[in-house]
Amino acid sequence: MLEVAVIDDPAAAGSTLDPMRARLLAELAEPASATMLAARVGLARQKINYHLRELERHGLIELVEERRKGNVTERLVRATARSYVISPAVLPAMAPDPGRSANRLSARWLLALAARLVRDVGVLIAGADKASKQVATFGLDAQVRFASPADRAAFTGELAGAVAALVSRYHDENAPDGRDHRVVLALHPTVAADD
């Protein structure tokens, strides 16, 4: 089971938006049968089977084991991932584009940038999975508390300067075997757990 999977198929995304299917995906962090799920969620086994077939058709659940019980074969399934992210590629005509906004200090520009990150990394993961390779990535997550807006502005200025210096030092436009990489840094107020 993957920790996180990116959903880039509109039909699969639509399937996860059904409240019962979303609940079943959450329940399937551990393998279960339709009978077991029916008892947990209070829905008829036949209805559960219908939802499971839809989830399986979209690759959101997988068969773990089949058990013979008398004349019946019990199928144990589980979610293919613990959590899912829906890629903006699901709605390509309306996908956010940070290139359409000049205001790089806008929260909406940051959201468009994050959406592009989800889309791009999702594409990279899908390609790497097909090639049975890994994607070389790096992520950094930190929290900082500023004493004032002036300190925040000074921090972002220094951060931008440091990143620009690193990019300038390591960027080689003419490297024959080089590969382009995107660097994304974000700064936003933290969201409290109860928000």
C-alpha atoms as a PDB file:
ATOM      1  CA  MET A   1       0.000   0.000   0.000  1.00  0.00           C
ATOM      2  CA  LEU A   2       1.298   3.424  -0.978  1.00  0.00           C
ATOM      3  CA  GLU A   3       1.360   6.243   1.548  1.00  0.00           C
ATOM      4  CA  VAL A   4      -0.060   8.746  -0.981  1.00  0.00           C
ATOM      5  CA  ALA A   5      -1.370   8.256  -4.530  1.00  0.00           C
ATOM      6  CA  VAL A   6      -2.234  10.907  -7.090  1.00  0.00           C
ATOM      7  CA  ILE A   7      -5.544  10.511  -8.912  1.00  0.00           C
ATOM      8  CA  ASP A   8      -5.298  11.976 -12.410  1.00  0.00           C
ATOM      9  CA  ASP A   9      -8.267  10.251 -14.044  1.00  0.00           C
ATOM     10  CA  PRO A  10     -11.558  12.226 -13.963  1.00  0.00           C
ATOM     11  CA  ALA A  11     -13.703   9.093 -13.549  1.00  0.00           C
ATOM     12  CA  ALA A  12     -11.557   7.849 -10.649  1.00  0.00           C
ATOM     13  CA  ALA A  13     -11.694  11.289  -9.027  1.00  0.00           C
ATOM     14  CA  GLY A  14     -15.473  11.350  -9.402  1.00  0.00           C
ATOM     15  CA  SER A  15     -15.687   7.922  -7.834  1.00  0.00           C
ATOM     16  CA  THR A  16     -13.847   9.084  -4.701  1.00  0.00           C
ATOM     17  CA  LEU A  17     -16.192  12.048  -4.256  1.00  0.00           C
ATOM     18  CA  ASP A  18     -19.111   9.764  -3.446  1.00  0.00           C
ATOM     19  CA  PRO A  19     -19.358   9.915   0.384  1.00  0.00           C
ATOM     20  CA  MET A  20     -19.875   6.155   0.785  1.00  0.00           C
ATOM     21  CA  ARG A  21     -16.932   5.309  -1.480  1.00  0.00           C
ATOM     22  CA  ALA A  22     -14.738   7.776   0.378  1.00  0.00           C
ATOM     23  CA  ARG A  23     -15.723   6.095   3.646  1.00  0.00           C
ATOM     24  CA  LEU A  24     -15.023   2.641   2.214  1.00  0.00           C
ATOM     25  CA  LEU A  25     -11.578   3.783   1.056  1.00  0.00           C
ATOM     26  CA  ALA A  26     -10.850   4.998   4.582  1.00  0.00           C
ATOM     27  CA  GLU A  27     -12.103   1.698   6.052  1.00  0.00           C
ATOM     28  CA  LEU A  28      -9.902  -0.231   3.623  1.00  0.00           C
ATOM     29  CA  ALA A  29      -6.632   0.919   5.142  1.00  0.00           C
ATOM     30  CA  GLU A  30      -6.759  -2.667   6.401  1.00  0.00           C
ATOM     31  CA  PRO A  31      -8.020  -5.540   4.217  1.00  0.00           C
ATOM     32  CA  ALA A  32     -11.721  -6.330   4.533  1.00  0.00           C
ATOM     33  CA  SER A  33     -14.489  -8.165   2.705  1.00  0.00           C
ATOM     34  CA  ALA A  34     -17.823  -6.768   1.561  1.00  0.00           C
ATOM     35  CA  THR A  35     -19.504  -8.581   4.464  1.00  0.00           C
ATOM     36  CA  MET A  36     -17.102  -7.053   6.988  1.00  0.00           C
ATOM     37  CA  LEU A  37     -17.588  -3.574   5.496  1.00  0.00           C
ATOM     38  CA  ALA A  38     -21.373  -3.938   5.449  1.00  0.00           C
ATOM     39  CA  ALA A  39     -21.350  -4.572   9.197  1.00  0.00           C
ATOM     40  CA  ARG A  40     -19.092  -1.551   9.819  1.00  0.00           C
ATOM     41  CA  VAL A  41     -20.942   0.991   7.716  1.00  0.00           C
ATOM     42  CA  GLY A  42     -24.510  -0.298   8.025  1.00  0.00           C
ATOM     43  CA  LEU A  43     -25.178  -0.873   4.330  1.00  0.00           C
ATOM     44  CA  ALA A  44     -26.323  -4.043   2.551  1.00  0.00           C
ATOM     45  CA  ARG A  45     -23.508  -6.282   1.304  1.00  0.00           C
ATOM     46  CA  GLN A  46     -24.834  -6.022  -2.268  1.00  0.00           C
ATOM     47  CA  LYS A  47     -24.550  -2.221  -2.163  1.00  0.00           C
ATOM     48  CA  ILE A  48     -21.047  -2.522  -0.720  1.00  0.00           C
ATOM     49  CA  ASN A  49     -20.092  -4.880  -3.565  1.00  0.00           C
ATOM     50  CA  TYR A  50     -21.368  -2.339  -6.091  1.00  0.00           C
ATOM     51  CA  HIS A  51     -19.189   0.408  -4.602  1.00  0.00           C
ATOM     52  CA  LEU A  52     -16.184  -1.916  -4.328  1.00  0.00           C
ATOM     53  CA  ARG A  53     -16.449  -2.872  -8.005  1.00  0.00           C
ATOM     54  CA  GLU A  54     -16.404   0.810  -8.944  1.00  0.00           C
ATOM     55  CA  LEU A  55     -13.381   1.515  -6.737  1.00  0.00           C
ATOM     56  CA  GLU A  56     -11.571  -1.532  -8.098  1.00  0.00           C
ATOM     57  CA  ARG A  57     -12.372  -0.554 -11.699  1.00  0.00           C
ATOM     58  CA  HIS A  58     -10.528   2.725 -11.111  1.00  0.00           C
ATOM     59  CA  GLY A  59      -7.525   1.112  -9.399  1.00  0.00           C
ATOM     60  CA  LEU A  60      -8.329   2.590  -5.992  1.00  0.00           C
ATOM     61  CA  ILE A  61      -8.593  -0.790  -4.248  1.00  0.00           C
ATOM     62  CA  GLU A  62      -6.850  -4.097  -4.883  1.00  0.00           C
ATOM     63  CA  LEU A  63      -7.470  -7.747  -4.175  1.00  0.00           C
ATOM     64  CA  VAL A  64      -5.426  -9.026  -1.243  1.00  0.00           C
ATOM     65  CA  GLU A  65      -6.802 -12.533  -0.790  1.00  0.00           C
ATOM     66  CA  GLU A  66      -9.613 -14.840  -1.816  1.00  0.00           C
ATOM     67  CA  ARG A  67     -11.002 -17.302   0.743  1.00  0.00           C
ATOM     68  CA  ARG A  68     -13.338 -20.177   0.081  1.00  0.00           C
ATOM     69  CA  LYS A  69     -16.275 -20.297   2.540  1.00  0.00           C
ATOM     70  CA  GLY A  70     -18.585 -23.148   1.599  1.00  0.00           C
ATOM     71  CA  ASN A  71     -19.996 -22.353  -1.841  1.00  0.00           C
ATOM     72  CA  VAL A  72     -18.906 -18.727  -1.678  1.00  0.00           C
ATOM     73  CA  THR A  73     -15.562 -17.111  -2.388  1.00  0.00           C
ATOM     74  CA  GLU A  74     -14.877 -14.219  -0.018  1.00  0.00           C
ATOM     75  CA  ARG A  75     -12.716 -11.477  -1.488  1.00  0.00           C
ATOM     76  CA  LEU A  76     -10.544  -9.404   0.830  1.00  0.00           C
ATOM     77  CA  VAL A  77      -9.582  -6.034  -0.648  1.00  0.00           C
ATOM     78  CA  ARG A  78      -7.719  -2.982   0.546  1.00  0.00           C
ATOM     79  CA  ALA A  79      -7.108   0.557  -0.641  1.00  0.00           C
ATOM     80  CA  THR A  80      -4.108   1.007  -2.921  1.00  0.00           C
ATOM     81  CA  ALA A  81      -3.007   3.989  -0.814  1.00  0.00           C
ATOM     82  CA  ARG A  82      -3.536   5.389   2.685  1.00  0.00           C
ATOM     83  CA  SER A  83      -4.476   8.745   1.205  1.00  0.00           C
ATOM     84  CA  TYR A  84      -5.165  10.251  -2.188  1.00  0.00           C
ATOM     85  CA  VAL A  85      -4.577  13.618  -3.834  1.00  0.00           C
ATOM     86  CA  ILE A  86      -6.665  14.634  -6.820  1.00  0.00           C
ATOM     87  CA  SER A  87      -4.477  16.202  -9.497  1.00  0.00           C
ATOM     88  CA  PRO A  88      -5.529  19.414 -11.234  1.00  0.00           C
ATOM     89  CA  ALA A  89      -5.008  17.364 -14.427  1.00  0.00           C
ATOM     90  CA  VAL A  90      -8.498  15.970 -13.733  1.00  0.00           C
ATOM     91  CA  LEU A  91      -9.906  19.324 -14.951  1.00  0.00           C
ATOM     92  CA  PRO A  92      -7.319  20.363 -17.559  1.00  0.00           C
ATOM     93  CA  ALA A  93      -9.367  23.222 -19.018  1.00  0.00           C
ATOM     94  CA  MET A  94      -9.667  24.794 -15.563  1.00  0.00           C
ATOM     95  CA  ALA A  95      -6.311  23.786 -14.072  1.00  0.00           C
ATOM     96  CA  PRO A  96      -4.658  26.618 -12.136  1.00  0.00           C
ATOM     97  CA  ASP A  97      -1.685  28.196 -13.895  1.00  0.00           C
ATOM     98  CA  PRO A  98       0.718  30.326 -11.860  1.00  0.00           C
ATOM     99  CA  GLY A  99       1.919  31.861 -15.138  1.00  0.00           C
ATOM    100  CA  ARG A 100      -1.397  33.724 -15.522  1.00  0.00           C
ATOM    101  CA  SER A 101      -0.829  35.856 -12.419  1.00  0.00           C
ATOM    102  CA  ALA A 102       1.747  38.534 -11.925  1.00  0.00           C
ATOM    103  CA  ASN A 103       1.132  38.831  -8.172  1.00  0.00           C
ATOM    104  CA  ARG A 104       3.605  36.351  -6.670  1.00  0.00           C
ATOM    105  CA  LEU A 105       2.665  37.472  -3.166  1.00  0.00           C
ATOM    106  CA  SER A 106      -0.943  36.407  -3.647  1.00  0.00           C
ATOM    107  CA  ALA A 107      -2.297  33.371  -1.767  1.00  0.00           C
ATOM    108  CA  ARG A 108      -4.120  32.375  -4.971  1.00  0.00           C
ATOM    109  CA  TRP A 109      -0.843  32.402  -6.921  1.00  0.00           C
ATOM    110  CA  LEU A 110       0.654  30.163  -4.229  1.00  0.00           C
ATOM    111  CA  LEU A 111      -2.334  27.819  -4.572  1.00  0.00           C
ATOM    112  CA  ALA A 112      -1.854  27.672  -8.363  1.00  0.00           C
ATOM    113  CA  LEU A 113       1.826  26.912  -7.788  1.00  0.00           C
ATOM    114  CA  ALA A 114       0.937  24.104  -5.372  1.00  0.00           C
ATOM    115  CA  ALA A 115      -1.560  22.710  -7.889  1.00  0.00           C
ATOM    116  CA  ARG A 116       1.128  22.631 -10.584  1.00  0.00           C
ATOM    117  CA  LEU A 117       3.427  20.862  -8.122  1.00  0.00           C
ATOM    118  CA  VAL A 118       0.786  18.172  -7.463  1.00  0.00           C
ATOM    119  CA  ARG A 119       0.176  17.733 -11.197  1.00  0.00           C
ATOM    120  CA  ASP A 120       3.874  17.572 -12.129  1.00  0.00           C
ATOM    121  CA  VAL A 121       4.911  15.225  -9.329  1.00  0.00           C
ATOM    122  CA  GLY A 122       1.909  13.015 -10.097  1.00  0.00           C
ATOM    123  CA  VAL A 123       3.059  12.744 -13.735  1.00  0.00           C
ATOM    124  CA  LEU A 124       6.621  11.972 -12.605  1.00  0.00           C
ATOM    125  CA  ILE A 125       5.443   9.253 -10.215  1.00  0.00           C
ATOM    126  CA  ALA A 126       3.266   7.641 -12.899  1.00  0.00           C
ATOM    127  CA  GLY A 127       6.170   7.619 -15.373  1.00  0.00           C
ATOM    128  CA  ALA A 128       8.609   6.298 -12.796  1.00  0.00           C
ATOM    129  CA  ASP A 129       6.181   3.530 -11.800  1.00  0.00           C
ATOM    130  CA  LYS A 130       5.836   2.451 -15.450  1.00  0.00           C
ATOM    131  CA  ALA A 131       9.618   2.369 -15.814  1.00  0.00           C
ATOM    132  CA  SER A 132      10.087   0.710 -12.392  1.00  0.00           C
ATOM    133  CA  LYS A 133      12.331   3.576 -11.312  1.00  0.00           C
ATOM    134  CA  GLN A 134      12.329   6.158  -8.564  1.00  0.00           C
ATOM    135  CA  VAL A 135      11.977   9.912  -8.917  1.00  0.00           C
ATOM    136  CA  ALA A 136      14.796  11.995  -7.449  1.00  0.00           C
ATOM    137  CA  THR A 137      13.078  14.674  -5.365  1.00  0.00           C
ATOM    138  CA  PHE A 138      13.738  16.757  -2.296  1.00  0.00           C
ATOM    139  CA  GLY A 139      11.287  18.374   0.069  1.00  0.00           C
ATOM    140  CA  LEU A 140      11.782  20.754   2.933  1.00  0.00           C
ATOM    141  CA  ASP A 141       9.150  21.578   5.530  1.00  0.00           C
ATOM    142  CA  ALA A 142       9.859  23.990   8.368  1.00  0.00           C
ATOM    143  CA  GLN A 143       7.952  26.330  10.625  1.00  0.00           C
ATOM    144  CA  VAL A 144       9.118  29.773  11.676  1.00  0.00           C
ATOM    145  CA  ARG A 145       7.466  32.344  13.954  1.00  0.00           C
ATOM    146  CA  PHE A 146       8.097  35.971  12.990  1.00  0.00           C
ATOM    147  CA  ALA A 147       8.078  38.738  15.579  1.00  0.00           C
ATOM    148  CA  SER A 148       6.762  41.257  13.036  1.00  0.00           C
ATOM    149  CA  PRO A 149       5.751  41.710   9.402  1.00  0.00           C
ATOM    150  CA  ALA A 150       9.085  43.485   8.881  1.00  0.00           C
ATOM    151  CA  ASP A 151      10.933  40.360  10.034  1.00  0.00           C
ATOM    152  CA  ARG A 152       8.837  38.245   7.657  1.00  0.00           C
ATOM    153  CA  ALA A 153       9.687  40.577   4.767  1.00  0.00           C
ATOM    154  CA  ALA A 154      13.396  40.518   5.657  1.00  0.00           C
ATOM    155  CA  PHE A 155      13.321  36.703   5.864  1.00  0.00           C
ATOM    156  CA  THR A 156      11.675  36.324   2.451  1.00  0.00           C
ATOM    157  CA  GLY A 157      14.180  38.759   0.944  1.00  0.00           C
ATOM    158  CA  GLU A 158      17.145  36.827   2.347  1.00  0.00           C
ATOM    159  CA  LEU A 159      15.598  33.504   1.343  1.00  0.00           C
ATOM    160  CA  ALA A 160      15.009  34.699  -2.223  1.00  0.00           C
ATOM    161  CA  GLY A 161      18.599  35.965  -2.407  1.00  0.00           C
ATOM    162  CA  ALA A 162      20.032  32.692  -1.076  1.00  0.00           C
ATOM    163  CA  VAL A 163      18.001  30.614  -3.512  1.00  0.00           C
ATOM    164  CA  ALA A 164      18.918  32.897  -6.429  1.00  0.00           C
ATOM    165  CA  ALA A 165      22.611  32.543  -5.505  1.00  0.00           C
ATOM    166  CA  LEU A 166      22.336  28.734  -5.357  1.00  0.00           C
ATOM    167  CA  VAL A 167      20.469  28.566  -8.667  1.00  0.00           C
ATOM    168  CA  SER A 168      23.071  30.843 -10.267  1.00  0.00           C
ATOM    169  CA  ARG A 169      25.925  28.713  -8.928  1.00  0.00           C
ATOM    170  CA  TYR A 170      24.536  25.324 -10.030  1.00  0.00           C
ATOM    171  CA  HIS A 171      22.480  26.089 -13.154  1.00  0.00           C
ATOM    172  CA  ASP A 172      24.320  24.986 -16.316  1.00  0.00           C
ATOM    173  CA  GLU A 173      22.311  25.823 -19.418  1.00  0.00           C
ATOM    174  CA  ASN A 174      24.817  24.002 -21.656  1.00  0.00           C
ATOM    175  CA  ALA A 175      25.283  20.737 -19.717  1.00  0.00           C
ATOM    176  CA  PRO A 176      24.866  18.069 -22.448  1.00  0.00           C
ATOM    177  CA  ASP A 177      23.491  15.432 -20.066  1.00  0.00           C
ATOM    178  CA  GLY A 178      21.840  17.882 -17.702  1.00  0.00           C
ATOM    179  CA  ARG A 179      18.230  17.661 -16.613  1.00  0.00           C
ATOM    180  CA  ASP A 180      16.060  20.619 -15.685  1.00  0.00           C
ATOM    181  CA  HIS A 181      14.602  20.677 -12.168  1.00  0.00           C
ATOM    182  CA  ARG A 182      11.980  22.986 -10.684  1.00  0.00           C
ATOM    183  CA  VAL A 183      12.554  24.593  -7.271  1.00  0.00           C
ATOM    184  CA  VAL A 184       9.408  25.566  -5.358  1.00  0.00           C
ATOM    185  CA  LEU A 185       9.484  27.385  -2.034  1.00  0.00           C
ATOM    186  CA  ALA A 186       6.399  28.546  -0.205  1.00  0.00           C
ATOM    187  CA  LEU A 187       5.747  30.652   2.853  1.00  0.00           C
ATOM    188  CA  HIS A 188       2.277  30.919   4.358  1.00  0.00           C
ATOM    189  CA  PRO A 189       0.720  31.232   7.789  1.00  0.00           C
ATOM    190  CA  THR A 190       0.246  27.901   9.510  1.00  0.00           C
ATOM    191  CA  VAL A 191      -3.233  26.502   9.866  1.00  0.00           C
ATOM    192  CA  ALA A 192      -4.210  25.294  13.330  1.00  0.00           C
ATOM    193  CA  ALA A 193      -5.363  21.673  13.539  1.00  0.00           C
ATOM    194  CA  ASP A 194      -8.876  22.722  14.588  1.00  0.00           C
ATOM    195  CA  ASP A 195      -9.218  25.146  11.623  1.00  0.00           C
END
